[in-house]
């Protein structure tokens, strides 16, 4: 079970890397007002959602404790990220506020995952 959990953790990290990497590569364009949500950002967020749900289920099946408040907050942030990216995915440009919100919420999600013990 530990190997399976570690595989899903790795996939979860790949998802967050895709989402954050897509944001970071568009930072310069955001300054010019030409940023857009890339397909990698949408796919990264969806990967995070699927692997996160799988991780909760696997950890509970392995009789490990799961902090449901922490998971709920992370899920709420991810749903907002997904909503913003999904709705604006076909727009040529995205306003700075929405784009910065996705970056900030992604960073908050990372800090909640790593700092909240």
PDB file of N, CA and C in Angstrom:
ATOM      1  N   UNK A   1       0.834  -1.198   0.000  1.00  0.00           N
ATOM      2  CA  UNK A   1       0.000   0.000   0.000  1.00  0.00           C
ATOM      3  C   UNK A   1       0.874   1.255   0.000  1.00  0.00           C
ATOM      4  N   UNK A   2       2.020   1.187   0.686  1.00  0.00           N
ATOM      5  CA  UNK A   2       2.901   2.359   0.744  1.00  0.00           C
ATOM      6  C   UNK A   2       3.411   2.748  -0.639  1.00  0.00           C
ATOM      7  N   UNK A   3       3.730   1.755  -1.461  1.00  0.00           N
ATOM      8  CA  UNK A   3       4.216   2.050  -2.811  1.00  0.00           C
ATOM      9  C   UNK A   3       3.125   2.748  -3.620  1.00  0.00           C
ATOM     10  N   UNK A   4       1.906   2.274  -3.511  1.00  0.00           N
ATOM     11  CA  UNK A   4       0.788   2.876  -4.241  1.00  0.00           C
ATOM     12  C   UNK A   4       0.542   4.313  -3.778  1.00  0.00           C
ATOM     13  N   UNK A   5       0.587   4.536  -2.480  1.00  0.00           N
ATOM     14  CA  UNK A   5       0.415   5.894  -1.949  1.00  0.00           C
ATOM     15  C   UNK A   5       1.524   6.797  -2.465  1.00  0.00           C
ATOM     16  N   UNK A   6       2.763   6.301  -2.480  1.00  0.00           N
ATOM     17  CA  UNK A   6       3.887   7.115  -2.954  1.00  0.00           C
ATOM     18  C   UNK A   6       3.776   7.419  -4.446  1.00  0.00           C
ATOM     19  N   UNK A   7       3.228   6.505  -5.221  1.00  0.00           N
ATOM     20  CA  UNK A   7       3.011   6.758  -6.654  1.00  0.00           C
ATOM     21  C   UNK A   7       2.006   7.896  -6.824  1.00  0.00           C
ATOM     22  N   UNK A   8       0.926   7.861  -6.044  1.00  0.00           N
ATOM     23  CA  UNK A   8      -0.070   8.923  -6.147  1.00  0.00           C
ATOM     24  C   UNK A   8       0.457  10.263  -5.616  1.00  0.00           C
ATOM     25  N   UNK A   9       1.326  10.227  -4.610  1.00  0.00           N
ATOM     26  CA  UNK A   9       1.962  11.466  -4.141  1.00  0.00           C
ATOM     27  C   UNK A   9       2.814  12.054  -5.265  1.00  0.00           C
ATOM     28  N   UNK A  10       3.577  11.202  -5.958  1.00  0.00           N
ATOM     29  CA  UNK A  10       4.409  11.675  -7.067  1.00  0.00           C
ATOM     30  C   UNK A  10       3.548  12.276  -8.178  1.00  0.00           C
ATOM     31  N   UNK A  11       2.445  11.619  -8.510  1.00  0.00           N
ATOM     32  CA  UNK A  11       1.538  12.154  -9.532  1.00  0.00           C
ATOM     33  C   UNK A  11       0.904  13.469  -9.081  1.00  0.00           C
ATOM     34  N   UNK A  12       0.611  13.579  -7.790  1.00  0.00           N
ATOM     35  CA  UNK A  12       0.053  14.814  -7.238  1.00  0.00           C
ATOM     36  C   UNK A  12       1.064  15.950  -7.369  1.00  0.00           C
ATOM     37  N   UNK A  13       2.320  15.665  -7.107  1.00  0.00           N
ATOM     38  CA  UNK A  13       3.380  16.675  -7.235  1.00  0.00           C
ATOM     39  C   UNK A  13       3.562  17.073  -8.698  1.00  0.00           C
ATOM     40  N   UNK A  14       3.450  16.114  -9.608  1.00  0.00           N
ATOM     41  CA  UNK A  14       3.538  16.437 -11.037  1.00  0.00           C
ATOM     42  C   UNK A  14       2.388  17.376 -11.431  1.00  0.00           C
ATOM     43  N   UNK A  15       1.202  17.138 -10.892  1.00  0.00           N
ATOM     44  CA  UNK A  15       0.068  18.015 -11.166  1.00  0.00           C
ATOM     45  C   UNK A  15       0.299  19.431 -10.679  1.00  0.00           C
ATOM     46  N   UNK A  16       0.811  19.563  -9.450  1.00  0.00           N
ATOM     47  CA  UNK A  16       1.059  20.908  -8.914  1.00  0.00           C
ATOM     48  C   UNK A  16       2.186  21.586  -9.688  1.00  0.00           C
ATOM     49  N   UNK A  17       3.163  20.805 -10.141  1.00  0.00           N
ATOM     50  CA  UNK A  17       4.250  21.379 -10.940  1.00  0.00           C
ATOM     51  C   UNK A  17       3.717  21.908 -12.270  1.00  0.00           C
ATOM     52  N   UNK A  18       2.797  21.198 -12.867  1.00  0.00           N
ATOM     53  CA  UNK A  18       2.204  21.638 -14.127  1.00  0.00           C
ATOM     54  C   UNK A  18       1.404  22.920 -13.935  1.00  0.00           C
ATOM     55  N   UNK A  19       0.618  22.975 -12.880  1.00  0.00           N
ATOM     56  CA  UNK A  19      -0.195  24.163 -12.608  1.00  0.00           C
ATOM     57  C   UNK A  19       0.695  25.357 -12.275  1.00  0.00           C
ATOM     58  N   UNK A  20       1.635  25.173 -11.371  1.00  0.00           N
ATOM     59  CA  UNK A  20       2.501  26.282 -10.964  1.00  0.00           C
ATOM     60  C   UNK A  20       3.455  26.668 -12.086  1.00  0.00           C
ATOM     61  N   UNK A  21       3.962  25.673 -12.811  1.00  0.00           N
ATOM     62  CA  UNK A  21       4.856  25.971 -13.929  1.00  0.00           C
ATOM     63  C   UNK A  21       4.158  26.775 -15.016  1.00  0.00           C
ATOM     64  N   UNK A  22       2.915  26.420 -15.309  1.00  0.00           N
ATOM     65  CA  UNK A  22       2.149  27.194 -16.284  1.00  0.00           C
ATOM     66  C   UNK A  22       1.962  28.635 -15.840  1.00  0.00           C
ATOM     67  N   UNK A  23       1.725  28.813 -14.540  1.00  0.00           N
ATOM     68  CA  UNK A  23       1.580  30.169 -14.010  1.00  0.00           C
ATOM     69  C   UNK A  23       2.893  30.935 -14.111  1.00  0.00           C
ATOM     70  N   UNK A  24       3.977  30.313 -13.686  1.00  0.00           N
ATOM     71  CA  UNK A  24       5.266  31.006 -13.658  1.00  0.00           C
ATOM     72  C   UNK A  24       5.760  31.372 -15.056  1.00  0.00           C
ATOM     73  N   UNK A  25       5.479  30.526 -16.043  1.00  0.00           N
ATOM     74  CA  UNK A  25       5.918  30.858 -17.397  1.00  0.00           C
ATOM     75  C   UNK A  25       5.128  32.015 -18.003  1.00  0.00           C
ATOM     76  N   UNK A  26       3.968  32.318 -17.429  1.00  0.00           N
ATOM     77  CA  UNK A  26       3.137  33.413 -17.937  1.00  0.00           C
ATOM     78  C   UNK A  26       3.297  34.705 -17.133  1.00  0.00           C
ATOM     79  N   UNK A  27       4.201  34.713 -16.171  1.00  0.00           N
ATOM     80  CA  UNK A  27       4.360  35.900 -15.313  1.00  0.00           C
ATOM     81  C   UNK A  27       4.723  37.150 -16.130  1.00  0.00           C
ATOM     82  N   UNK A  28       5.643  37.016 -17.053  1.00  0.00           N
ATOM     83  CA  UNK A  28       6.036  38.155 -17.875  1.00  0.00           C
ATOM     84  C   UNK A  28       4.860  38.642 -18.725  1.00  0.00           C
ATOM     85  N   UNK A  29       4.121  37.690 -19.277  1.00  0.00           N
ATOM     86  CA  UNK A  29       2.947  38.046 -20.074  1.00  0.00           C
ATOM     87  C   UNK A  29       1.878  38.694 -19.202  1.00  0.00           C
ATOM     88  N   UNK A  30       1.788  38.289 -17.931  1.00  0.00           N
ATOM     89  CA  UNK A  30       0.816  38.894 -17.025  1.00  0.00           C
ATOM     90  C   UNK A  30       1.128  40.374 -16.835  1.00  0.00           C
ATOM     91  N   UNK A  31       2.411  40.693 -16.725  1.00  0.00           N
ATOM     92  CA  UNK A  31       2.807  42.089 -16.591  1.00  0.00           C
ATOM     93  C   UNK A  31       2.415  42.915 -17.802  1.00  0.00           C
ATOM     94  N   UNK A  32       2.425  42.297 -18.972  1.00  0.00           N
ATOM     95  CA  UNK A  32       2.058  42.991 -20.205  1.00  0.00           C
ATOM     96  C   UNK A  32       0.562  42.906 -20.483  1.00  0.00           C
ATOM     97  N   UNK A  33      -0.180  42.199 -19.640  1.00  0.00           N
ATOM     98  CA  UNK A  33      -1.616  42.060 -19.841  1.00  0.00           C
ATOM     99  C   UNK A  33      -1.992  41.042 -20.899  1.00  0.00           C
ATOM    100  N   UNK A  34      -1.085  40.112 -21.201  1.00  0.00           N
ATOM    101  CA  UNK A  34      -1.339  39.132 -22.258  1.00  0.00           C
ATOM    102  C   UNK A  34      -1.317  37.699 -21.746  1.00  0.00           C
ATOM    103  N   UNK A  35      -1.445  37.512 -20.457  1.00  0.00           N
ATOM    104  CA  UNK A  35      -1.393  36.159 -19.888  1.00  0.00           C
ATOM    105  C   UNK A  35      -2.648  35.385 -20.247  1.00  0.00           C
ATOM    106  N   UNK A  36      -2.496  34.085 -20.355  1.00  0.00           N
ATOM    107  CA  UNK A  36      -3.634  33.214 -20.600  1.00  0.00           C
ATOM    108  C   UNK A  36      -3.413  31.909 -19.859  1.00  0.00           C
ATOM    109  N   UNK A  37      -4.502  31.212 -19.587  1.00  0.00           N
ATOM    110  CA  UNK A  37      -4.412  29.918 -18.936  1.00  0.00           C
ATOM    111  C   UNK A  37      -4.072  28.863 -19.982  1.00  0.00           C
ATOM    112  N   UNK A  38      -3.009  28.151 -19.751  1.00  0.00           N
ATOM    113  CA  UNK A  38      -2.557  27.138 -20.703  1.00  0.00           C
ATOM    114  C   UNK A  38      -3.248  25.806 -20.417  1.00  0.00           C
ATOM    115  N   UNK A  39      -3.304  24.924 -21.410  1.00  0.00           N
ATOM    116  CA  UNK A  39      -3.876  23.600 -21.164  1.00  0.00           C
ATOM    117  C   UNK A  39      -3.145  22.850 -20.043  1.00  0.00           C
ATOM    118  N   UNK A  40      -1.840  23.074 -19.911  1.00  0.00           N
ATOM    119  CA  UNK A  40      -1.075  22.404 -18.853  1.00  0.00           C
ATOM    120  C   UNK A  40      -1.595  22.790 -17.470  1.00  0.00           C
ATOM    121  N   UNK A  41      -2.047  24.016 -17.326  1.00  0.00           N
ATOM    122  CA  UNK A  41      -2.574  24.454 -16.038  1.00  0.00           C
ATOM    123  C   UNK A  41      -3.875  23.727 -15.714  1.00  0.00           C
ATOM    124  N   UNK A  42      -4.745  23.587 -16.694  1.00  0.00           N
ATOM    125  CA  UNK A  42      -6.000  22.873 -16.485  1.00  0.00           C
ATOM    126  C   UNK A  42      -5.738  21.396 -16.184  1.00  0.00           C
ATOM    127  N   UNK A  43      -4.859  20.789 -16.949  1.00  0.00           N
ATOM    128  CA  UNK A  43      -4.565  19.372 -16.751  1.00  0.00           C
ATOM    129  C   UNK A  43      -3.860  19.137 -15.413  1.00  0.00           C
ATOM    130  N   UNK A  44      -3.009  20.078 -15.011  1.00  0.00           N
ATOM    131  CA  UNK A  44      -2.351  19.960 -13.711  1.00  0.00           C
ATOM    132  C   UNK A  44      -3.353  20.035 -12.570  1.00  0.00           C
ATOM    133  N   UNK A  45      -4.295  20.964 -12.671  1.00  0.00           N
ATOM    134  CA  UNK A  45      -5.311  21.090 -11.625  1.00  0.00           C
ATOM    135  C   UNK A  45      -6.204  19.853 -11.561  1.00  0.00           C
ATOM    136  N   UNK A  46      -6.574  19.326 -12.715  1.00  0.00           N
ATOM    137  CA  UNK A  46      -7.386  18.103 -12.735  1.00  0.00           C
ATOM    138  C   UNK A  46      -6.609  16.912 -12.177  1.00  0.00           C
ATOM    139  N   UNK A  47      -5.321  16.839 -12.499  1.00  0.00           N
ATOM    140  CA  UNK A  47      -4.473  15.781 -11.945  1.00  0.00           C
ATOM    141  C   UNK A  47      -4.410  15.879 -10.436  1.00  0.00           C
ATOM    142  N   UNK A  48      -4.278  17.101  -9.935  1.00  0.00           N
ATOM    143  CA  UNK A  48      -4.256  17.296  -8.482  1.00  0.00           C
ATOM    144  C   UNK A  48      -5.559  16.835  -7.846  1.00  0.00           C
ATOM    145  N   UNK A  49      -6.677  17.141  -8.481  1.00  0.00           N
ATOM    146  CA  UNK A  49      -7.974  16.755  -7.935  1.00  0.00           C
ATOM    147  C   UNK A  49      -8.119  15.233  -7.869  1.00  0.00           C
ATOM    148  N   UNK A  50      -7.838  14.573  -8.959  1.00  0.00           N
ATOM    149  CA  UNK A  50      -8.004  13.119  -9.017  1.00  0.00           C
ATOM    150  C   UNK A  50      -7.039  12.421  -8.066  1.00  0.00           C
ATOM    151  N   UNK A  51      -5.766  12.816  -8.089  1.00  0.00           N
ATOM    152  CA  UNK A  51      -4.789  12.156  -7.212  1.00  0.00           C
ATOM    153  C   UNK A  51      -5.018  12.506  -5.755  1.00  0.00           C
ATOM    154  N   UNK A  52      -5.489  13.709  -5.484  1.00  0.00           N
ATOM    155  CA  UNK A  52      -5.784  14.087  -4.100  1.00  0.00           C
ATOM    156  C   UNK A  52      -6.911  13.257  -3.515  1.00  0.00           C
ATOM    157  N   UNK A  53      -7.964  13.061  -4.309  1.00  0.00           N
ATOM    158  CA  UNK A  53      -9.079  12.222  -3.852  1.00  0.00           C
ATOM    159  C   UNK A  53      -8.601  10.786  -3.639  1.00  0.00           C
ATOM    160  N   UNK A  54      -7.777  10.298  -4.569  1.00  0.00           N
ATOM    161  CA  UNK A  54      -7.240   8.939  -4.432  1.00  0.00           C
ATOM    162  C   UNK A  54      -6.369   8.820  -3.181  1.00  0.00           C
ATOM    163  N   UNK A  55      -5.574   9.847  -2.903  1.00  0.00           N
ATOM    164  CA  UNK A  55      -4.704   9.808  -1.723  1.00  0.00           C
ATOM    165  C   UNK A  55      -5.511   9.764  -0.427  1.00  0.00           C
ATOM    166  N   UNK A  56      -6.570  10.527  -0.362  1.00  0.00           N
ATOM    167  CA  UNK A  56      -7.411  10.497   0.839  1.00  0.00           C
ATOM    168  C   UNK A  56      -7.991   9.101   1.020  1.00  0.00           C
ATOM    169  N   UNK A  57      -8.515   8.525  -0.049  1.00  0.00           N
ATOM    170  CA  UNK A  57      -9.093   7.192   0.025  1.00  0.00           C
ATOM    171  C   UNK A  57      -8.065   6.134   0.391  1.00  0.00           C
ATOM    172  N   UNK A  58      -6.881   6.204  -0.223  1.00  0.00           N
ATOM    173  CA  UNK A  58      -5.843   5.221   0.076  1.00  0.00           C
ATOM    174  C   UNK A  58      -5.349   5.338   1.515  1.00  0.00           C
ATOM    175  N   UNK A  59      -5.179   6.559   1.993  1.00  0.00           N
ATOM    176  CA  UNK A  59      -4.724   6.740   3.374  1.00  0.00           C
ATOM    177  C   UNK A  59      -5.766   6.260   4.373  1.00  0.00           C
ATOM    178  N   UNK A  60      -7.036   6.505   4.098  1.00  0.00           N
ATOM    179  CA  UNK A  60      -8.077   6.013   4.992  1.00  0.00           C
ATOM    180  C   UNK A  60      -8.167   4.488   4.934  1.00  0.00           C
ATOM    181  N   UNK A  61      -7.985   3.919   3.753  1.00  0.00           N
ATOM    182  CA  UNK A  61      -8.014   2.465   3.619  1.00  0.00           C
ATOM    183  C   UNK A  61      -6.835   1.819   4.348  1.00  0.00           C
ATOM    184  N   UNK A  62      -5.744   2.559   4.463  1.00  0.00           N
ATOM    185  CA  UNK A  62      -4.547   2.065   5.153  1.00  0.00           C
ATOM    186  C   UNK A  62      -4.590   2.382   6.646  1.00  0.00           C
ATOM    187  N   UNK A  63      -5.733   2.824   7.136  1.00  0.00           N
ATOM    188  CA  UNK A  63      -5.940   3.172   8.555  1.00  0.00           C
ATOM    189  C   UNK A  63      -5.007   4.270   9.057  1.00  0.00           C
ATOM    190  N   UNK A  64      -4.635   5.184   8.166  1.00  0.00           N
ATOM    191  CA  UNK A  64      -3.856   6.350   8.572  1.00  0.00           C
ATOM    192  C   UNK A  64      -4.827   7.493   8.849  1.00  0.00           C
ATOM    193  N   UNK A  65      -4.453   8.365   9.757  1.00  0.00           N
ATOM    194  CA  UNK A  65      -5.334   9.494  10.073  1.00  0.00           C
ATOM    195  C   UNK A  65      -5.255  10.534   8.955  1.00  0.00           C
ATOM    196  N   UNK A  66      -6.397  11.105   8.650  1.00  0.00           N
ATOM    197  CA  UNK A  66      -6.493  12.141   7.623  1.00  0.00           C
ATOM    198  C   UNK A  66      -7.105  13.370   8.284  1.00  0.00           C
ATOM    199  N   UNK A  67      -6.450  14.514   8.135  1.00  0.00           N
ATOM    200  CA  UNK A  67      -6.955  15.768   8.669  1.00  0.00           C
ATOM    201  C   UNK A  67      -8.011  16.298   7.703  1.00  0.00           C
ATOM    202  N   UNK A  68      -9.270  16.046   8.010  1.00  0.00           N
ATOM    203  CA  UNK A  68     -10.350  16.400   7.096  1.00  0.00           C
ATOM    204  C   UNK A  68     -10.519  17.900   6.916  1.00  0.00           C
ATOM    205  N   UNK A  69     -10.198  18.687   7.928  1.00  0.00           N
ATOM    206  CA  UNK A  69     -10.289  20.146   7.796  1.00  0.00           C
ATOM    207  C   UNK A  69      -9.256  20.634   6.783  1.00  0.00           C
ATOM    208  N   UNK A  70      -8.043  20.149   6.914  1.00  0.00           N
ATOM    209  CA  UNK A  70      -6.975  20.522   5.984  1.00  0.00           C
ATOM    210  C   UNK A  70      -7.331  20.109   4.560  1.00  0.00           C
ATOM    211  N   UNK A  71      -7.809  18.887   4.396  1.00  0.00           N
ATOM    212  CA  UNK A  71      -8.174  18.386   3.075  1.00  0.00           C
ATOM    213  C   UNK A  71      -9.344  19.198   2.506  1.00  0.00           C
ATOM    214  N   UNK A  72     -10.291  19.552   3.350  1.00  0.00           N
ATOM    215  CA  UNK A  72     -11.430  20.352   2.903  1.00  0.00           C
ATOM    216  C   UNK A  72     -11.014  21.725   2.409  1.00  0.00           C
ATOM    217  N   UNK A  73     -10.099  22.354   3.130  1.00  0.00           N
ATOM    218  CA  UNK A  73      -9.607  23.674   2.707  1.00  0.00           C
ATOM    219  C   UNK A  73      -8.840  23.562   1.401  1.00  0.00           C
ATOM    220  N   UNK A  74      -7.972  22.563   1.297  1.00  0.00           N
ATOM    221  CA  UNK A  74      -7.224  22.363   0.058  1.00  0.00           C
ATOM    222  C   UNK A  74      -8.167  22.083  -1.115  1.00  0.00           C
ATOM    223  N   UNK A  75      -9.205  21.294  -0.874  1.00  0.00           N
ATOM    224  CA  UNK A  75     -10.179  20.999  -1.922  1.00  0.00           C
ATOM    225  C   UNK A  75     -10.929  22.261  -2.340  1.00  0.00           C
ATOM    226  N   UNK A  76     -11.310  23.086  -1.374  1.00  0.00           N
ATOM    227  CA  UNK A  76     -12.020  24.326  -1.693  1.00  0.00           C
ATOM    228  C   UNK A  76     -11.147  25.249  -2.552  1.00  0.00           C
ATOM    229  N   UNK A  77      -9.873  25.373  -2.196  1.00  0.00           N
ATOM    230  CA  UNK A  77      -8.964  26.204  -2.990  1.00  0.00           C
ATOM    231  C   UNK A  77      -8.815  25.637  -4.402  1.00  0.00           C
ATOM    232  N   UNK A  78      -8.698  24.324  -4.498  1.00  0.00           N
ATOM    233  CA  UNK A  78      -8.530  23.696  -5.806  1.00  0.00           C
ATOM    234  C   UNK A  78      -9.783  23.849  -6.668  1.00  0.00           C
ATOM    235  N   UNK A  79     -10.952  23.797  -6.066  1.00  0.00           N
ATOM    236  CA  UNK A  79     -12.196  23.985  -6.822  1.00  0.00           C
ATOM    237  C   UNK A  79     -12.257  25.404  -7.387  1.00  0.00           C
ATOM    238  N   UNK A  80     -11.842  26.390  -6.604  1.00  0.00           N
ATOM    239  CA  UNK A  80     -11.808  27.772  -7.105  1.00  0.00           C
ATOM    240  C   UNK A  80     -10.804  27.894  -8.250  1.00  0.00           C
ATOM    241  N   UNK A  81      -9.617  27.286  -8.076  1.00  0.00           N
ATOM    242  CA  UNK A  81      -8.605  27.309  -9.137  1.00  0.00           C
ATOM    243  C   UNK A  81      -9.167  26.668 -10.402  1.00  0.00           C
ATOM    244  N   UNK A  82      -9.754  25.496 -10.250  1.00  0.00           N
ATOM    245  CA  UNK A  82     -10.319  24.793 -11.407  1.00  0.00           C
ATOM    246  C   UNK A  82     -11.414  25.610 -12.087  1.00  0.00           C
ATOM    247  N   UNK A  83     -12.259  26.234 -11.301  1.00  0.00           N
ATOM    248  CA  UNK A  83     -13.339  27.043 -11.875  1.00  0.00           C
ATOM    249  C   UNK A  83     -12.772  28.200 -12.695  1.00  0.00           C
ATOM    250  N   UNK A  84     -11.792  28.899 -12.139  1.00  0.00           N
ATOM    251  CA  UNK A  84     -11.199  30.028 -12.865  1.00  0.00           C
ATOM    252  C   UNK A  84     -10.520  29.568 -14.148  1.00  0.00           C
ATOM    253  N   UNK A  85      -9.716  28.521 -14.045  1.00  0.00           N
ATOM    254  CA  UNK A  85      -8.979  28.059 -15.218  1.00  0.00           C
ATOM    255  C   UNK A  85      -9.932  27.481 -16.265  1.00  0.00           C
ATOM    256  N   UNK A  86     -10.923  26.724 -15.830  1.00  0.00           N
ATOM    257  CA  UNK A  86     -11.840  26.095 -16.786  1.00  0.00           C
ATOM    258  C   UNK A  86     -12.691  27.132 -17.526  1.00  0.00           C
ATOM    259  N   UNK A  87     -13.218  28.098 -16.792  1.00  0.00           N
ATOM    260  CA  UNK A  87     -14.091  29.092 -17.414  1.00  0.00           C
ATOM    261  C   UNK A  87     -13.315  29.986 -18.380  1.00  0.00           C
ATOM    262  N   UNK A  88     -12.090  30.311 -18.042  1.00  0.00           N
ATOM    263  CA  UNK A  88     -11.300  31.246 -18.857  1.00  0.00           C
ATOM    264  C   UNK A  88     -10.304  30.548 -19.779  1.00  0.00           C
ATOM    265  N   UNK A  89     -10.398  29.236 -19.931  1.00  0.00           N
ATOM    266  CA  UNK A  89      -9.380  28.480 -20.671  1.00  0.00           C
ATOM    267  C   UNK A  89      -9.293  28.846 -22.146  1.00  0.00           C
ATOM    268  N   UNK A  90     -10.377  29.298 -22.759  1.00  0.00           N
ATOM    269  CA  UNK A  90     -10.373  29.612 -24.187  1.00  0.00           C
ATOM    270  C   UNK A  90     -10.174  31.093 -24.484  1.00  0.00           C
ATOM    271  N   UNK A  91     -10.089  31.923 -23.451  1.00  0.00           N
ATOM    272  CA  UNK A  91      -9.900  33.358 -23.661  1.00  0.00           C
ATOM    273  C   UNK A  91      -8.476  33.637 -24.144  1.00  0.00           C
ATOM    274  N   UNK A  92      -8.352  34.584 -25.059  1.00  0.00           N
ATOM    275  CA  UNK A  92      -7.028  34.966 -25.569  1.00  0.00           C
ATOM    276  C   UNK A  92      -6.156  35.537 -24.458  1.00  0.00           C
ATOM    277  N   UNK A  93      -6.755  36.366 -23.611  1.00  0.00           N
ATOM    278  CA  UNK A  93      -6.029  36.914 -22.466  1.00  0.00           C
ATOM    279  C   UNK A  93      -6.935  36.846 -21.242  1.00  0.00           C
ATOM    280  N   UNK A  94      -6.303  36.778 -20.100  1.00  0.00           N
ATOM    281  CA  UNK A  94      -7.016  36.729 -18.826  1.00  0.00           C
ATOM    282  C   UNK A  94      -6.591  37.949 -18.031  1.00  0.00           C
ATOM    283  N   UNK A  95      -7.552  38.590 -17.363  1.00  0.00           N
ATOM    284  CA  UNK A  95      -7.185  39.778 -16.594  1.00  0.00           C
ATOM    285  C   UNK A  95      -6.221  39.405 -15.472  1.00  0.00           C
ATOM    286  N   UNK A  96      -5.429  40.401 -15.083  1.00  0.00           N
ATOM    287  CA  UNK A  96      -4.363  40.165 -14.106  1.00  0.00           C
ATOM    288  C   UNK A  96      -4.889  39.640 -12.777  1.00  0.00           C
ATOM    289  N   UNK A  97      -6.039  40.110 -12.358  1.00  0.00           N
ATOM    290  CA  UNK A  97      -6.594  39.700 -11.069  1.00  0.00           C
ATOM    291  C   UNK A  97      -6.895  38.212 -11.016  1.00  0.00           C
ATOM    292  N   UNK A  98      -7.557  37.705 -12.048  1.00  0.00           N
ATOM    293  CA  UNK A  98      -7.893  36.274 -12.084  1.00  0.00           C
ATOM    294  C   UNK A  98      -6.638  35.431 -12.205  1.00  0.00           C
ATOM    295  N   UNK A  99      -5.703  35.901 -13.021  1.00  0.00           N
ATOM    296  CA  UNK A  99      -4.468  35.139 -13.201  1.00  0.00           C
ATOM    297  C   UNK A  99      -3.646  35.120 -11.917  1.00  0.00           C
ATOM    298  N   UNK A 100      -3.549  36.264 -11.259  1.00  0.00           N
ATOM    299  CA  UNK A 100      -2.813  36.333  -9.995  1.00  0.00           C
ATOM    300  C   UNK A 100      -3.511  35.516  -8.911  1.00  0.00           C
ATOM    301  N   UNK A 101      -4.843  35.483  -8.943  1.00  0.00           N
ATOM    302  CA  UNK A 101      -5.588  34.687  -7.965  1.00  0.00           C
ATOM    303  C   UNK A 101      -5.245  33.212  -8.094  1.00  0.00           C
ATOM    304  N   UNK A 102      -5.138  32.715  -9.316  1.00  0.00           N
ATOM    305  CA  UNK A 102      -4.776  31.311  -9.516  1.00  0.00           C
ATOM    306  C   UNK A 102      -3.377  31.046  -8.972  1.00  0.00           C
ATOM    307  N   UNK A 103      -2.448  31.935  -9.242  1.00  0.00           N
ATOM    308  CA  UNK A 103      -1.090  31.768  -8.711  1.00  0.00           C
ATOM    309  C   UNK A 103      -1.051  31.825  -7.196  1.00  0.00           C
ATOM    310  N   UNK A 104      -1.770  32.770  -6.622  1.00  0.00           N
ATOM    311  CA  UNK A 104      -1.801  32.896  -5.163  1.00  0.00           C
ATOM    312  C   UNK A 104      -2.474  31.713  -4.489  1.00  0.00           C
ATOM    313  N   UNK A 105      -3.573  31.254  -5.061  1.00  0.00           N
ATOM    314  CA  UNK A 105      -4.269  30.099  -4.481  1.00  0.00           C
ATOM    315  C   UNK A 105      -3.435  28.830  -4.620  1.00  0.00           C
ATOM    316  N   UNK A 106      -2.704  28.719  -5.722  1.00  0.00           N
ATOM    317  CA  UNK A 106      -1.817  27.566  -5.897  1.00  0.00           C
ATOM    318  C   UNK A 106      -0.710  27.579  -4.852  1.00  0.00           C
ATOM    319  N   UNK A 107      -0.108  28.744  -4.649  1.00  0.00           N
ATOM    320  CA  UNK A 107       0.936  28.860  -3.625  1.00  0.00           C
ATOM    321  C   UNK A 107       0.366  28.578  -2.239  1.00  0.00           C
ATOM    322  N   UNK A 108      -0.834  29.082  -1.969  1.00  0.00           N
ATOM    323  CA  UNK A 108      -1.465  28.819  -0.666  1.00  0.00           C
ATOM    324  C   UNK A 108      -1.706  27.326  -0.485  1.00  0.00           C
ATOM    325  N   UNK A 109      -2.133  26.652  -1.536  1.00  0.00           N
ATOM    326  CA  UNK A 109      -2.369  25.214  -1.471  1.00  0.00           C
ATOM    327  C   UNK A 109      -1.078  24.459  -1.153  1.00  0.00           C
ATOM    328  N   UNK A 110       0.024  24.889  -1.757  1.00  0.00           N
ATOM    329  CA  UNK A 110       1.320  24.264  -1.486  1.00  0.00           C
ATOM    330  C   UNK A 110       1.723  24.474  -0.037  1.00  0.00           C
ATOM    331  N   UNK A 111       1.572  25.705   0.454  1.00  0.00           N
ATOM    332  CA  UNK A 111       1.961  25.989   1.840  1.00  0.00           C
ATOM    333  C   UNK A 111       1.075  25.259   2.838  1.00  0.00           C
ATOM    334  N   UNK A 112      -0.207  25.147   2.550  1.00  0.00           N
ATOM    335  CA  UNK A 112      -1.087  24.392   3.447  1.00  0.00           C
ATOM    336  C   UNK A 112      -0.644  22.935   3.487  1.00  0.00           C
ATOM    337  N   UNK A 113      -0.298  22.377   2.332  1.00  0.00           N
ATOM    338  CA  UNK A 113       0.123  20.978   2.263  1.00  0.00           C
ATOM    339  C   UNK A 113       1.409  20.720   3.039  1.00  0.00           C
ATOM    340  N   UNK A 114       2.329  21.680   2.999  1.00  0.00           N
ATOM    341  CA  UNK A 114       3.657  21.433   3.579  1.00  0.00           C
ATOM    342  C   UNK A 114       3.822  21.978   4.996  1.00  0.00           C
ATOM    343  N   UNK A 115       3.202  23.088   5.301  1.00  0.00           N
ATOM    344  CA  UNK A 115       3.415  23.722   6.613  1.00  0.00           C
ATOM    345  C   UNK A 115       2.426  23.223   7.668  1.00  0.00           C
ATOM    346  N   UNK A 116       1.189  23.001   7.274  1.00  0.00           N
ATOM    347  CA  UNK A 116       0.160  22.554   8.207  1.00  0.00           C
ATOM    348  C   UNK A 116       0.404  21.082   8.546  1.00  0.00           C
ATOM    349  N   UNK A 117       0.776  20.844   9.799  1.00  0.00           N
ATOM    350  CA  UNK A 117       1.062  19.454  10.213  1.00  0.00           C
ATOM    351  C   UNK A 117       0.067  18.961  11.224  1.00  0.00           C
TER     352      UNK A 117
END
